[in-house]
Amino acid sequence: MFSGGNWFAWFPVRVRTKRGERWAWLENVWRDRTVTAYGAGPYRYYA
């Protein structure tokens, strides 16, 4: 199952865009991660 939502990047994160990847900082981005009964995976960030 996925868990995600809007998030304010208050520290620099690498985000995926339509054209590739870039750094995002001090802006709203979308983040999600996979959550199972055994734990949660790392966050993925999108702009």
Protein backbone atom coordinates (compact mmCIF):
# COMPACT_ATOMS: atom_id res chain seq x y z
CA MET A 1 0.00 0.00 0.00
CA PHE A 2 1.19 3.52 -0.73
CA SER A 3 1.12 6.41 1.70
CA GLY A 4 1.74 9.92 0.42
CA GLY A 5 0.79 13.56 0.30
CA ASN A 6 1.97 17.12 -0.08
CA TRP A 7 5.05 17.98 1.95
CA PHE A 8 7.09 21.16 2.41
CA ALA A 9 10.75 20.43 1.67
CA TRP A 10 12.38 22.30 4.56
CA PHE A 11 15.68 20.54 3.83
CA PRO A 12 17.14 19.77 0.37
CA VAL A 13 15.77 16.59 -1.23
CA ARG A 14 16.25 15.02 -4.65
CA VAL A 15 12.93 15.08 -6.56
CA ARG A 16 11.86 13.33 -9.74
CA THR A 17 10.34 15.42 -12.51
CA LYS A 18 9.11 14.73 -16.04
CA ARG A 19 12.54 15.75 -17.39
CA GLY A 20 14.72 13.93 -14.87
CA GLU A 21 15.81 14.81 -11.37
CA ARG A 22 16.64 18.01 -9.51
CA TRP A 23 17.12 19.35 -6.00
CA ALA A 24 14.12 20.89 -4.22
CA TRP A 25 14.34 23.09 -1.16
CA LEU A 26 11.82 25.37 0.57
CA GLU A 27 8.95 24.40 -1.74
CA ASN A 28 5.99 22.03 -1.72
CA VAL A 29 6.63 18.61 -3.22
CA TRP A 30 4.75 15.31 -3.31
CA ARG A 31 6.23 12.44 -1.33
CA ASP A 32 5.14 8.84 -0.99
CA ARG A 33 6.40 5.52 0.30
CA THR A 34 5.38 1.90 0.39
CA VAL A 35 3.94 0.70 3.70
CA THR A 36 3.40 -2.97 4.54
CA ALA A 37 2.73 -4.96 7.67
CA TYR A 38 6.50 -5.49 7.95
CA GLY A 39 7.51 -1.84 7.85
CA ALA A 40 7.81 1.17 5.55
CA GLY A 41 10.16 1.90 2.70
CA PRO A 42 12.09 5.08 1.98
CA TYR A 43 10.31 8.24 0.86
CA ARG A 44 10.25 9.14 -2.85
CA TYR A 45 9.86 12.80 -3.79
CA TYR A 46 8.18 14.22 -6.90
CA ALA A 47 7.77 17.75 -8.27
